[in-house]
Amino acid sequence: MRNFSGKAALVLGFAASLVFCATASAKGPVSCESLAFKYQAKDVFLGSSTLVYATSTDPEYCDVVGAIRGNINFELFLPTDWNGRFQMVGNGGKAGTISTGDMRTALRLGYASSSTDTGHNLANSGPGSQFGSDPEKEIDFGWRAVHLTAETSKDIVKSYYGVKPHYSYWVGCSTGGRQGLMEAQRFPGDFDGYVTGSPVNNYTGQQMSAPAYLPPLYSSIPGTPRVSRALISQVGNVVYNGNGLSGPNAFPGCDAQDGVVDHQLRDPRQCNFDVQRHVPTCPDTTPSGFCLTAAQKDALAAVYAGHPPFVPPQILGAEDIPGGWSTWLIGSDAGSTPALHGVVADAFEWLMFNPDRPGFNYLTDFDWNTDPFQMDQAAQTFNATDPDLRDVKARGGKIVMYHGWGDPGANPLRTIAYYESVVAFMGQHFGPKWMAAENTERFLRLYMVPGMAHCGGGTGHANVDWLTPLVNWVENGVAPHAIVGTRASDGSTRPHCPYPQAAIYDGTGDPADAASYSCGTP
């Protein structure tokens, strides 16, 4: 058995040694109070620079608030005890706000940290995607605002401390994952390392998830789903625990496939659940009395099928987990609005098509024969799907990418597809094809987390420090292998392994202890 607990302790010890080694202070070339007046750069306006004294939770820092090109608002925290590094944090959804909470997490570790609203403010630009009526703001949201904020932030760091950051890092999930990959593809000089979680990098494809998954479940939104939450929960129970039937339609469940019964699927692609075969059609029932009507089974079968090649099949195992279907695909049973609809719906009005289509209702108006092919301009602006990461590799940059296997909101199969496209690209351009995966792993590693929902939560071991292994990789050349996660509900630990490896339990040792697992190919 590989002792992952010991490795985790070493990594955490490394993190502590970095965090408390201050390399500069606010006693540098420019004081906090004068920074807003003295800093000068084209298209940049600093509205304020305020020294914020230490509290019980946060260290002392200089809070800088500014704007770029007039509409790209940003904030930058400059700690008095600085660790010499810069970290920019990403956004969620359609952005429109500055991620100060994630900035504070970085601040407490000694990083200078910034975030941007990506060029539009939800408080005054209308809800959701309505900023897309301005083509320049679309470009800002797509890629320009993050790049300009990164450049500006690092320049202010240099002005304040008198030295530029020794290392620069990106940390983001969901939209933030897309932003990180966009930076790596377009501006690889902005950052030395990237944590990119649950990336919606195929942005146009992500929007098409809604017309693929939701029309089978809803005739209108808000509305009552055709299959209730309670029934979906029962389907999830069958996926994990089986249907209790005998004969040709018997299904044993997939929870125990990996040797551990923990309400996680190590790889949902290995689960052969079929809603048409393994759930009885009413009035027939399972031993627990559960059944679905033929129409309900057809609806779920359509969701599981997706709409290839534009939308991959919906993954198994998220039907009945926190942050799963009950968040993204099925709201409460009366008058519900699933989260996927709330995030996506107005993107079809303002972001996906040129010209805009105000009032477009994807439930009734989306045409699979024509509409996917009318999103090329949107794809050029928003999609971070380019597998050419040669410049990241050449600069010595590193990427830690992760995705939860229990994420029905941003399909994990898309992230695997992107990773595999990078491997294929490396096989074409670097060395023999049989070394493509090894060459990719030298700068990019993907971690698939069983049971984790979108960016966290679920039933998996989703509490993970992704940043410390990345820093160790960038600064010391120590590539990450297993990265240990913790499950909040019971404190158990589990290693997460670089894809395509997974955590394997051989039946000995405590299954709640990461040390009882090894990384291998199932």
Protein backbone atom coordinates (compact mmCIF):
# COMPACT_ATOMS: atom_id res chain seq x y z
CA MET A 1 0.00 0.00 0.00
CA ARG A 2 1.18 3.49 -0.78
CA ASN A 3 1.05 5.80 2.24
CA PHE A 4 -0.75 8.81 0.80
CA SER A 5 -1.35 10.28 4.25
CA GLY A 6 2.39 10.72 4.71
CA LYS A 7 2.75 12.33 1.31
CA ALA A 8 -0.08 14.72 2.15
CA ALA A 9 1.70 15.74 5.35
CA LEU A 10 4.88 16.49 3.43
CA VAL A 11 2.96 18.60 0.94
CA LEU A 12 1.19 20.53 3.66
CA GLY A 13 4.48 21.10 5.42
CA PHE A 14 5.92 22.49 2.19
CA ALA A 15 2.92 24.83 1.91
CA ALA A 16 3.42 26.13 5.42
CA SER A 17 7.08 26.86 4.80
CA LEU A 18 6.12 28.90 1.76
CA VAL A 19 3.26 30.81 3.27
CA PHE A 20 5.15 32.22 6.23
CA CYS A 21 8.29 33.24 4.34
CA ALA A 22 7.66 36.92 3.61
CA THR A 23 9.82 38.38 0.89
CA ALA A 24 8.58 41.97 0.81
CA SER A 25 6.43 44.37 2.73
CA ALA A 26 4.29 47.45 2.30
CA LYS A 27 7.30 49.55 3.33
CA GLY A 28 8.40 49.33 -0.30
CA PRO A 29 8.81 51.98 -3.01
CA VAL A 30 5.18 53.20 -2.88
CA SER A 31 2.95 53.45 0.19
CA CYS A 32 -0.58 52.08 0.05
CA GLU A 33 -2.12 55.50 0.61
CA SER A 34 -0.24 57.04 -2.31
CA LEU A 35 -0.51 54.11 -4.74
CA ALA A 36 -3.78 55.23 -6.33
CA PHE A 37 -2.33 58.67 -7.03
CA LYS A 38 1.13 57.65 -8.20
CA TYR A 39 0.36 54.63 -10.37
CA GLN A 40 0.00 55.52 -14.04
CA ALA A 41 -0.82 53.20 -16.95
CA LYS A 42 -2.73 53.55 -20.19
CA ASP A 43 -6.47 52.80 -19.89
CA VAL A 44 -6.11 52.09 -16.14
CA PHE A 45 -7.79 54.14 -13.43
CA LEU A 46 -7.25 53.40 -9.74
CA GLY A 47 -10.18 54.67 -7.76
CA SER A 48 -8.71 53.96 -4.34
CA SER A 49 -5.90 52.27 -2.43
CA THR A 50 -6.71 51.73 1.23
CA LEU A 51 -4.64 50.14 3.97
CA VAL A 52 -6.81 47.59 5.79
CA TYR A 53 -5.56 46.61 9.22
CA ALA A 54 -5.30 43.00 10.33
CA THR A 55 -8.31 41.27 11.85
CA SER A 56 -8.78 37.93 13.56
CA THR A 57 -9.16 36.31 10.14
CA ASP A 58 -7.23 38.44 7.65
CA PRO A 59 -3.72 39.90 7.65
CA GLU A 60 -3.02 43.56 6.97
CA TYR A 61 -3.23 44.45 3.28
CA CYS A 62 -3.60 47.26 0.78
CA ASP A 63 -6.99 47.13 -0.96
CA VAL A 64 -6.74 48.51 -4.50
CA VAL A 65 -9.89 49.17 -6.53
CA GLY A 66 -9.70 50.15 -10.17
CA ALA A 67 -10.99 49.89 -13.73
CA ILE A 68 -9.47 49.12 -17.13
CA ARG A 69 -10.84 50.60 -20.37
CA GLY A 70 -13.60 52.16 -18.28
CA ASN A 71 -15.73 49.06 -17.79
CA ILE A 72 -13.43 46.25 -16.62
CA ASN A 73 -13.61 46.59 -12.85
CA PHE A 74 -11.04 44.81 -10.71
CA GLU A 75 -9.79 44.59 -7.14
CA LEU A 76 -6.33 43.72 -5.90
CA PHE A 77 -5.25 42.74 -2.40
CA LEU A 78 -1.60 43.47 -1.54
CA PRO A 79 -0.61 41.88 1.79
CA THR A 80 1.91 43.64 4.01
CA ASP A 81 3.60 40.27 4.60
CA TRP A 82 3.84 39.09 1.01
CA ASN A 83 5.05 35.66 -0.04
CA GLY A 84 6.37 36.96 -3.36
CA ARG A 85 3.61 35.37 -5.42
CA PHE A 86 0.58 36.60 -7.34
CA GLN A 87 -2.68 34.67 -7.62
CA MET A 88 -5.66 35.63 -9.76
CA VAL A 89 -8.97 33.95 -9.07
CA GLY A 90 -11.77 33.20 -11.51
CA ASN A 91 -15.50 33.78 -11.70
CA GLY A 92 -18.62 31.65 -11.77
CA GLY A 93 -21.62 31.72 -14.10
CA LYS A 94 -21.74 34.81 -16.26
CA ALA A 95 -19.34 36.67 -13.92
CA GLY A 96 -20.42 40.31 -13.37
CA THR A 97 -19.00 40.44 -9.84
CA ILE A 98 -15.51 40.42 -8.31
CA SER A 99 -14.63 37.20 -6.47
CA THR A 100 -13.45 38.81 -3.24
CA GLY A 101 -14.14 35.67 -1.17
CA ASP A 102 -11.63 33.63 -3.16
CA MET A 103 -9.23 36.57 -3.10
CA ARG A 104 -9.32 36.48 0.71
CA THR A 105 -8.41 32.80 0.66
CA ALA A 106 -5.31 33.69 -1.36
CA LEU A 107 -4.59 36.71 0.85
CA ARG A 108 -4.51 34.53 3.96
CA LEU A 109 -1.79 32.45 2.32
CA GLY A 110 0.30 35.55 1.65
CA TYR A 111 -0.49 35.99 -2.04
CA ALA A 112 -1.13 39.27 -3.77
CA SER A 113 -4.51 38.46 -5.31
CA SER A 114 -6.90 39.99 -7.82
CA SER A 115 -10.20 39.37 -9.58
CA THR A 116 -12.32 41.11 -12.22
CA ASP A 117 -16.00 41.38 -13.02
CA THR A 118 -14.94 40.67 -16.67
CA GLY A 119 -16.27 43.97 -17.95
CA HIS A 120 -19.89 44.02 -16.84
CA ASN A 121 -21.59 44.55 -13.52
CA LEU A 122 -24.70 42.49 -12.83
CA ALA A 123 -26.03 45.29 -10.64
CA ASN A 124 -26.44 47.65 -13.58
CA SER A 125 -26.07 45.64 -16.82
CA GLY A 126 -29.22 43.57 -16.46
CA PRO A 127 -29.54 39.94 -15.42
CA GLY A 128 -27.44 37.09 -16.72
CA SER A 129 -26.31 37.48 -20.32
CA GLN A 130 -27.89 40.78 -21.27
CA PHE A 131 -24.47 42.45 -21.36
CA GLY A 132 -24.02 40.50 -24.61
CA SER A 133 -25.98 43.16 -26.45
CA ASP A 134 -22.60 44.99 -26.50
CA PRO A 135 -20.09 43.07 -28.68
CA GLU A 136 -17.12 44.63 -26.87
CA LYS A 137 -18.38 43.34 -23.53
CA GLU A 138 -18.75 39.90 -25.06
CA ILE A 139 -15.04 39.98 -25.90
CA ASP A 140 -14.23 41.21 -22.40
CA PHE A 141 -16.19 38.33 -20.88
CA GLY A 142 -14.76 35.83 -23.32
CA TRP A 143 -11.06 36.50 -22.76
CA ARG A 144 -9.89 40.13 -22.75
CA ALA A 145 -10.82 41.24 -19.23
CA VAL A 146 -8.94 38.44 -17.48
CA HIS A 147 -5.82 39.00 -19.55
CA LEU A 148 -5.78 42.77 -19.03
CA THR A 149 -6.47 42.39 -15.32
CA ALA A 150 -3.62 39.90 -14.98
CA GLU A 151 -1.19 42.24 -16.73
CA THR A 152 -2.36 45.28 -14.78
CA SER A 153 -2.34 43.49 -11.42
CA LYS A 154 1.21 42.26 -11.86
CA ASP A 155 2.32 45.75 -12.91
CA ILE A 156 0.74 47.25 -9.78
CA VAL A 157 2.41 44.56 -7.67
CA LYS A 158 5.77 45.61 -9.09
CA SER A 159 5.04 49.29 -8.42
CA TYR A 160 3.98 48.61 -4.85
CA TYR A 161 6.66 46.18 -3.72
CA GLY A 162 9.44 47.26 -6.05
CA VAL A 163 9.78 43.76 -7.55
CA LYS A 164 7.59 41.75 -9.86
CA PRO A 165 5.98 38.54 -8.57
CA HIS A 166 8.37 35.61 -8.45
CA TYR A 167 5.55 33.30 -9.61
CA SER A 168 2.01 33.88 -10.85
CA TYR A 169 -0.88 31.44 -10.46
CA TRP A 170 -4.42 31.09 -11.72
CA VAL A 171 -7.13 29.44 -9.58
CA GLY A 172 -10.69 29.02 -10.83
CA CYS A 173 -13.57 26.57 -11.23
CA SER A 174 -16.48 26.38 -13.69
CA THR A 175 -16.33 29.68 -15.58
CA GLY A 176 -13.05 30.16 -13.74
CA GLY A 177 -11.83 26.86 -15.17
CA ARG A 178 -12.67 28.07 -18.66
CA GLN A 179 -10.90 31.37 -17.98
CA GLY A 180 -7.77 29.54 -16.84
CA LEU A 181 -7.63 27.37 -19.94
CA MET A 182 -8.30 30.41 -22.12
CA GLU A 183 -5.31 32.13 -20.52
CA ALA A 184 -3.11 29.07 -21.07
CA GLN A 185 -4.15 28.88 -24.73
CA ARG A 186 -4.04 32.59 -25.61
CA PHE A 187 -1.69 34.23 -23.12
CA PRO A 188 0.63 31.58 -21.65
CA GLY A 189 2.98 34.27 -20.37
CA ASP A 190 0.45 35.55 -17.83
CA PHE A 191 0.77 32.65 -15.37
CA ASP A 192 3.25 29.99 -14.35
CA GLY A 193 0.65 27.57 -13.01
CA TYR A 194 -3.06 26.96 -13.30
CA VAL A 195 -5.69 25.24 -11.17
CA THR A 196 -8.64 24.74 -13.52
CA GLY A 197 -11.66 22.99 -12.03
CA SER A 198 -14.82 21.72 -13.75
CA PRO A 199 -14.03 23.92 -16.76
CA VAL A 200 -16.90 24.92 -19.04
CA ASN A 201 -14.29 25.41 -21.73
CA ASN A 202 -16.54 24.22 -24.56
CA TYR A 203 -18.81 27.13 -23.81
CA THR A 204 -21.17 26.87 -26.76
CA GLY A 205 -21.48 23.14 -26.12
CA GLN A 206 -22.24 23.83 -22.47
CA GLN A 207 -25.15 26.08 -23.44
CA MET A 208 -26.52 23.31 -25.67
CA SER A 209 -26.70 21.07 -22.61
CA ALA A 210 -29.96 22.78 -21.66
CA PRO A 211 -31.87 22.00 -24.90
CA ALA A 212 -30.47 18.46 -24.74
CA TYR A 213 -31.29 17.59 -21.13
CA LEU A 214 -34.23 19.74 -20.06
CA PRO A 215 -36.97 19.45 -22.76
CA PRO A 216 -37.45 15.74 -21.95
CA LEU A 217 -38.05 16.74 -18.32
CA TYR A 218 -40.06 19.97 -18.70
CA SER A 219 -42.67 21.35 -21.07
CA SER A 220 -42.13 24.82 -19.61
CA ILE A 221 -39.83 26.41 -17.05
CA PRO A 222 -40.75 27.38 -14.35
CA GLY A 223 -42.91 24.30 -14.30
CA THR A 224 -43.53 20.88 -12.88
CA PRO A 225 -41.06 18.20 -14.03
CA ARG A 226 -42.38 15.13 -15.80
CA VAL A 227 -40.37 12.97 -13.38
CA SER A 228 -40.49 14.06 -9.76
CA ARG A 229 -37.55 14.48 -7.42
CA ALA A 230 -38.72 11.49 -5.42
CA LEU A 231 -38.72 9.26 -8.48
CA ILE A 232 -35.31 10.52 -9.58
CA SER A 233 -34.03 9.66 -6.10
CA GLN A 234 -35.38 6.15 -6.54
CA VAL A 235 -33.61 5.85 -9.88
CA GLY A 236 -30.38 6.89 -8.18
CA ASN A 237 -30.92 4.20 -5.56
CA VAL A 238 -31.20 1.58 -8.32
CA VAL A 239 -28.01 2.88 -9.99
CA TYR A 240 -26.07 2.42 -6.78
CA ASN A 241 -27.78 -0.49 -5.04
CA GLY A 242 -29.57 -2.47 -7.74
CA ASN A 243 -33.22 -3.20 -8.40
CA GLY A 244 -33.67 -6.38 -6.36
CA LEU A 245 -35.08 -8.23 -9.36
CA SER A 246 -34.17 -11.66 -10.69
CA GLY A 247 -34.11 -12.84 -14.26
CA PRO A 248 -32.99 -11.01 -17.42
CA ASN A 249 -33.78 -7.55 -16.01
CA ALA A 250 -31.88 -8.02 -12.76
CA PHE A 251 -29.37 -5.28 -11.97
CA PRO A 252 -26.97 -5.55 -9.01
CA GLY A 253 -26.07 -1.85 -8.80
CA CYS A 254 -22.73 -0.17 -9.42
CA ASP A 255 -21.66 1.14 -6.00
CA ALA A 256 -19.68 -1.97 -5.08
CA GLN A 257 -17.94 -2.32 -8.47
CA ASP A 258 -14.74 -0.77 -7.11
CA GLY A 259 -14.73 -2.89 -3.94
CA VAL A 260 -15.99 -0.13 -1.62
CA VAL A 261 -19.63 0.70 -0.89
CA ASP A 262 -19.47 4.47 -0.42
CA HIS A 263 -22.14 6.02 -2.68
CA GLN A 264 -19.49 6.92 -5.25
CA LEU A 265 -18.85 5.57 -8.72
CA ARG A 266 -15.13 5.39 -9.44
CA ASP A 267 -15.87 5.66 -13.17
CA PRO A 268 -19.54 5.98 -14.15
CA ARG A 269 -18.69 4.84 -17.67
CA GLN A 270 -18.23 1.33 -16.25
CA CYS A 271 -21.80 1.24 -14.92
CA ASN A 272 -24.18 -0.53 -17.31
CA PHE A 273 -27.46 0.78 -15.89
CA ASP A 274 -30.25 1.05 -18.48
CA VAL A 275 -33.40 2.82 -17.33
CA GLN A 276 -35.49 1.01 -19.94
CA ARG A 277 -34.37 -2.44 -18.79
CA HIS A 278 -33.61 -2.02 -15.12
CA VAL A 279 -36.61 0.02 -13.92
CA PRO A 280 -40.01 -1.71 -14.17
CA THR A 281 -42.76 -0.07 -16.17
CA CYS A 282 -45.81 0.68 -14.05
CA PRO A 283 -47.86 -1.17 -12.89
CA ASP A 284 -44.97 -3.65 -12.47
CA THR A 285 -42.71 -2.71 -9.56
CA THR A 286 -39.42 -3.50 -7.86
CA PRO A 287 -39.53 -5.17 -4.42
CA SER A 288 -39.59 -1.64 -2.97
CA GLY A 289 -42.68 -0.76 -5.00
CA PHE A 290 -40.82 1.56 -7.38
CA CYS A 291 -41.74 1.91 -11.06
CA LEU A 292 -41.87 4.51 -13.86
CA THR A 293 -44.42 5.00 -16.58
CA ALA A 294 -43.30 4.36 -20.15
CA ALA A 295 -43.31 8.11 -20.81
CA GLN A 296 -41.15 8.79 -17.75
CA LYS A 297 -38.66 6.12 -18.80
CA ASP A 298 -38.47 7.62 -22.28
CA ALA A 299 -37.81 11.06 -20.76
CA LEU A 300 -34.92 9.78 -18.62
CA ALA A 301 -33.52 7.73 -21.48
CA ALA A 302 -33.36 10.92 -23.56
CA VAL A 303 -31.48 12.72 -20.77
CA TYR A 304 -29.01 9.87 -20.40
CA ALA A 305 -28.47 9.82 -24.17
CA GLY A 306 -27.61 13.52 -24.51
CA HIS A 307 -27.46 14.80 -28.07
CA PRO A 308 -24.20 13.61 -29.69
CA PRO A 309 -22.05 14.99 -31.18
CA PHE A 310 -22.98 18.32 -29.59
CA VAL A 311 -23.86 17.18 -26.06
CA PRO A 312 -22.42 14.04 -24.44
CA PRO A 313 -24.57 11.55 -22.53
CA GLN A 314 -25.52 12.56 -19.02
CA ILE A 315 -23.32 10.72 -16.52
CA LEU A 316 -24.69 8.13 -14.10
CA GLY A 317 -24.48 8.47 -10.34
CA ALA A 318 -25.57 12.09 -9.84
CA GLU A 319 -29.30 11.38 -9.64
CA ASP A 320 -29.45 11.42 -5.85
CA ILE A 321 -26.42 13.27 -4.47
CA PRO A 322 -26.18 16.78 -3.00
CA GLY A 323 -25.54 19.19 -5.85
CA GLY A 324 -26.65 16.59 -8.39
CA TRP A 325 -29.82 16.32 -10.45
CA SER A 326 -31.88 17.99 -7.72
CA THR A 327 -29.81 21.14 -8.23
CA TRP A 328 -29.10 21.18 -11.96
CA LEU A 329 -31.83 19.19 -13.72
CA ILE A 330 -34.81 18.82 -11.40
CA GLY A 331 -36.08 21.61 -9.18
CA SER A 332 -38.76 21.27 -6.55
CA ASP A 333 -41.80 19.47 -7.91
CA ALA A 334 -44.04 22.54 -8.24
CA GLY A 335 -43.09 25.58 -10.29
CA SER A 336 -39.40 24.71 -10.27
CA THR A 337 -36.47 26.22 -12.15
CA PRO A 338 -33.44 23.91 -12.37
CA ALA A 339 -30.05 25.60 -12.10
CA LEU A 340 -29.00 24.61 -15.62
CA HIS A 341 -31.89 26.63 -17.03
CA GLY A 342 -31.11 29.61 -14.84
CA VAL A 343 -27.49 29.71 -15.99
CA VAL A 344 -28.08 29.00 -19.67
CA ALA A 345 -31.49 30.28 -20.80
CA ASP A 346 -30.73 33.88 -21.71
CA ALA A 347 -27.35 33.02 -23.24
CA PHE A 348 -29.32 31.99 -26.33
CA GLU A 349 -30.86 35.46 -26.40
CA TRP A 350 -27.66 37.51 -26.07
CA LEU A 351 -24.45 35.47 -26.45
CA MET A 352 -24.82 32.53 -28.80
CA PHE A 353 -26.11 34.07 -32.05
CA ASN A 354 -25.35 37.03 -34.27
CA PRO A 355 -27.61 38.92 -34.44
CA ASP A 356 -29.02 38.50 -30.93
CA ARG A 357 -32.35 36.71 -30.49
CA PRO A 358 -34.22 38.41 -27.62
CA GLY A 359 -37.10 36.25 -26.47
CA PHE A 360 -35.58 33.01 -27.80
CA ASN A 361 -36.92 29.99 -25.88
CA TYR A 362 -34.62 27.01 -26.30
CA LEU A 363 -37.31 24.62 -24.99
CA THR A 364 -39.42 25.25 -28.07
CA ASP A 365 -37.23 27.19 -30.52
CA PHE A 366 -33.88 25.37 -30.63
CA ASP A 367 -33.32 23.60 -33.97
CA TRP A 368 -30.62 20.93 -33.82
CA ASN A 369 -30.37 20.90 -37.60
CA THR A 370 -29.34 24.55 -37.89
CA ASP A 371 -28.67 26.33 -34.57
CA PRO A 372 -25.48 24.49 -33.54
CA PHE A 373 -23.90 25.66 -36.78
CA GLN A 374 -24.78 29.30 -36.17
CA MET A 375 -22.61 29.64 -33.09
CA ASP A 376 -19.21 29.88 -34.80
CA GLN A 377 -18.65 33.50 -33.79
CA ALA A 378 -19.59 32.71 -30.19
CA ALA A 379 -17.22 29.74 -30.23
CA GLN A 380 -14.33 31.94 -31.35
CA THR A 381 -15.01 34.34 -28.47
CA PHE A 382 -15.92 32.02 -25.60
CA ASN A 383 -14.56 28.53 -26.25
CA ALA A 384 -11.25 27.48 -24.71
CA THR A 385 -10.92 24.21 -26.62
CA ASP A 386 -7.61 24.70 -28.44
CA PRO A 387 -5.38 21.68 -27.59
CA ASP A 388 -2.21 23.52 -28.64
CA LEU A 389 -0.49 24.14 -25.31
CA ARG A 390 3.03 24.10 -26.73
CA ASP A 391 3.81 27.53 -25.32
CA VAL A 392 2.76 26.49 -21.81
CA LYS A 393 5.07 23.49 -22.06
CA ALA A 394 7.91 25.55 -23.53
CA ARG A 395 7.72 28.11 -20.69
CA GLY A 396 7.71 25.43 -18.02
CA GLY A 397 4.08 26.17 -17.09
CA LYS A 398 1.99 23.56 -15.29
CA ILE A 399 -1.75 22.84 -15.22
CA VAL A 400 -3.68 20.88 -12.60
CA MET A 401 -7.17 20.24 -13.97
CA TYR A 402 -9.93 18.48 -12.02
CA HIS A 403 -13.57 17.55 -12.46
CA GLY A 404 -16.15 15.72 -10.35
CA TRP A 405 -17.63 12.51 -11.72
CA GLY A 406 -20.92 13.52 -10.05
CA ASP A 407 -21.30 16.84 -11.92
CA PRO A 408 -24.51 16.96 -14.01
CA GLY A 409 -24.21 20.72 -14.56
CA ALA A 410 -20.92 20.70 -16.52
CA ASN A 411 -20.49 17.26 -18.00
CA PRO A 412 -17.16 15.68 -16.94
CA LEU A 413 -16.95 13.85 -20.26
CA ARG A 414 -16.18 17.19 -21.91
CA THR A 415 -13.15 17.71 -19.67
CA ILE A 416 -11.87 14.23 -20.46
CA ALA A 417 -12.41 14.96 -24.15
CA TYR A 418 -10.32 18.13 -23.88
CA TYR A 419 -7.54 16.35 -22.02
CA GLU A 420 -7.48 13.60 -24.63
CA SER A 421 -7.36 16.21 -27.40
CA VAL A 422 -4.20 17.65 -25.80
CA VAL A 423 -2.69 14.16 -25.64
CA ALA A 424 -3.52 13.64 -29.32
CA PHE A 425 -1.96 17.00 -30.20
CA MET A 426 1.19 16.13 -28.30
CA GLY A 427 1.33 12.84 -30.18
CA GLN A 428 1.31 14.72 -33.47
CA HIS A 429 3.89 17.36 -32.56
CA PHE A 430 6.26 15.97 -29.90
CA GLY A 431 8.14 12.72 -30.18
CA PRO A 432 6.64 9.34 -30.93
CA LYS A 433 2.90 8.99 -30.56
CA TRP A 434 3.31 6.27 -27.96
CA MET A 435 4.85 8.89 -25.64
CA ALA A 436 2.00 11.41 -26.09
CA ALA A 437 0.42 10.75 -22.70
CA GLU A 438 3.78 10.89 -20.91
CA ASN A 439 4.70 14.15 -22.65
CA THR A 440 1.34 15.65 -21.71
CA GLU A 441 1.72 14.64 -18.07
CA ARG A 442 4.92 16.65 -17.90
CA PHE A 443 2.85 19.86 -17.83
CA LEU A 444 -0.85 18.90 -17.59
CA ARG A 445 -2.53 16.47 -15.20
CA LEU A 446 -6.23 15.74 -14.93
CA TYR A 447 -7.90 14.47 -11.76
CA MET A 448 -11.38 12.92 -11.90
CA VAL A 449 -13.02 12.95 -8.46
CA PRO A 450 -15.64 10.22 -7.81
CA GLY A 451 -18.89 11.48 -6.32
CA MET A 452 -17.95 15.17 -6.46
CA ALA A 453 -20.60 17.51 -7.83
CA HIS A 454 -19.91 20.82 -9.62
CA CYS A 455 -16.69 22.28 -8.17
CA GLY A 456 -17.23 20.46 -4.87
CA GLY A 457 -19.82 18.84 -2.65
CA GLY A 458 -21.65 15.68 -3.57
CA THR A 459 -20.76 12.41 -1.86
CA GLY A 460 -17.09 12.37 -2.84
CA HIS A 461 -13.87 13.34 -1.11
CA ALA A 462 -14.20 16.85 -2.46
CA ASN A 463 -12.19 18.87 0.07
CA VAL A 464 -8.90 19.05 -1.79
CA ASP A 465 -5.92 21.39 -1.74
CA TRP A 466 -5.12 21.58 -5.45
CA LEU A 467 -2.88 24.64 -5.14
CA THR A 468 -0.05 23.32 -2.97
CA PRO A 469 0.82 20.41 -5.30
CA LEU A 470 0.74 22.84 -8.22
CA VAL A 471 3.14 25.25 -6.48
CA ASN A 472 5.47 22.38 -5.63
CA TRP A 473 5.39 21.29 -9.29
CA VAL A 474 6.06 24.77 -10.67
CA GLU A 475 8.71 25.86 -8.20
CA ASN A 476 10.45 22.62 -7.28
CA GLY A 477 9.79 20.36 -10.25
CA VAL A 478 7.94 17.81 -8.12
CA ALA A 479 5.10 16.53 -10.29
CA PRO A 480 1.93 15.65 -8.37
CA HIS A 481 0.79 12.05 -8.25
CA ALA A 482 -1.98 11.18 -5.80
CA ILE A 483 -3.64 14.23 -4.26
CA VAL A 484 -5.57 13.39 -1.11
CA GLY A 485 -9.14 14.59 -0.60
CA THR A 486 -11.32 14.53 2.51
CA ARG A 487 -15.05 13.89 2.79
CA ALA A 488 -16.64 16.43 5.10
CA SER A 489 -19.46 14.14 6.27
CA ASP A 490 -17.20 11.56 7.94
CA GLY A 491 -13.59 12.81 7.72
CA SER A 492 -12.53 9.86 5.57
CA THR A 493 -9.72 10.38 3.06
CA ARG A 494 -9.14 9.14 -0.48
CA PRO A 495 -6.37 9.67 -3.02
CA HIS A 496 -7.29 11.23 -6.34
CA CYS A 497 -5.07 9.94 -9.11
CA PRO A 498 -3.95 11.48 -12.38
CA TYR A 499 -6.25 10.33 -15.19
CA PRO A 500 -6.56 7.69 -16.55
CA GLN A 501 -5.45 6.15 -13.27
CA ALA A 502 -7.88 5.82 -10.37
CA ALA A 503 -7.75 4.92 -6.68
CA ILE A 504 -7.76 1.14 -6.24
CA TYR A 505 -8.65 -0.62 -3.00
CA ASP A 506 -7.43 -4.19 -2.81
CA GLY A 507 -9.57 -5.24 0.13
CA THR A 508 -7.06 -4.79 2.96
CA GLY A 509 -6.75 -1.84 5.33
CA ASP A 510 -9.31 0.75 6.35
CA PRO A 511 -11.33 1.86 3.29
CA ALA A 512 -11.81 5.24 4.99
CA ASP A 513 -8.04 5.87 4.93
CA ALA A 514 -6.24 7.11 1.82
CA ALA A 515 -3.25 4.93 2.76
CA SER A 516 -5.32 1.85 1.90
CA TYR A 517 -5.43 2.76 -1.80
CA SER A 518 -2.98 2.80 -4.66
CA CYS A 519 -3.16 4.51 -8.02
CA GLY A 520 -3.53 2.25 -11.00
CA THR A 521 -5.55 1.54 -14.10
CA PRO A 522 -8.74 -0.32 -13.13
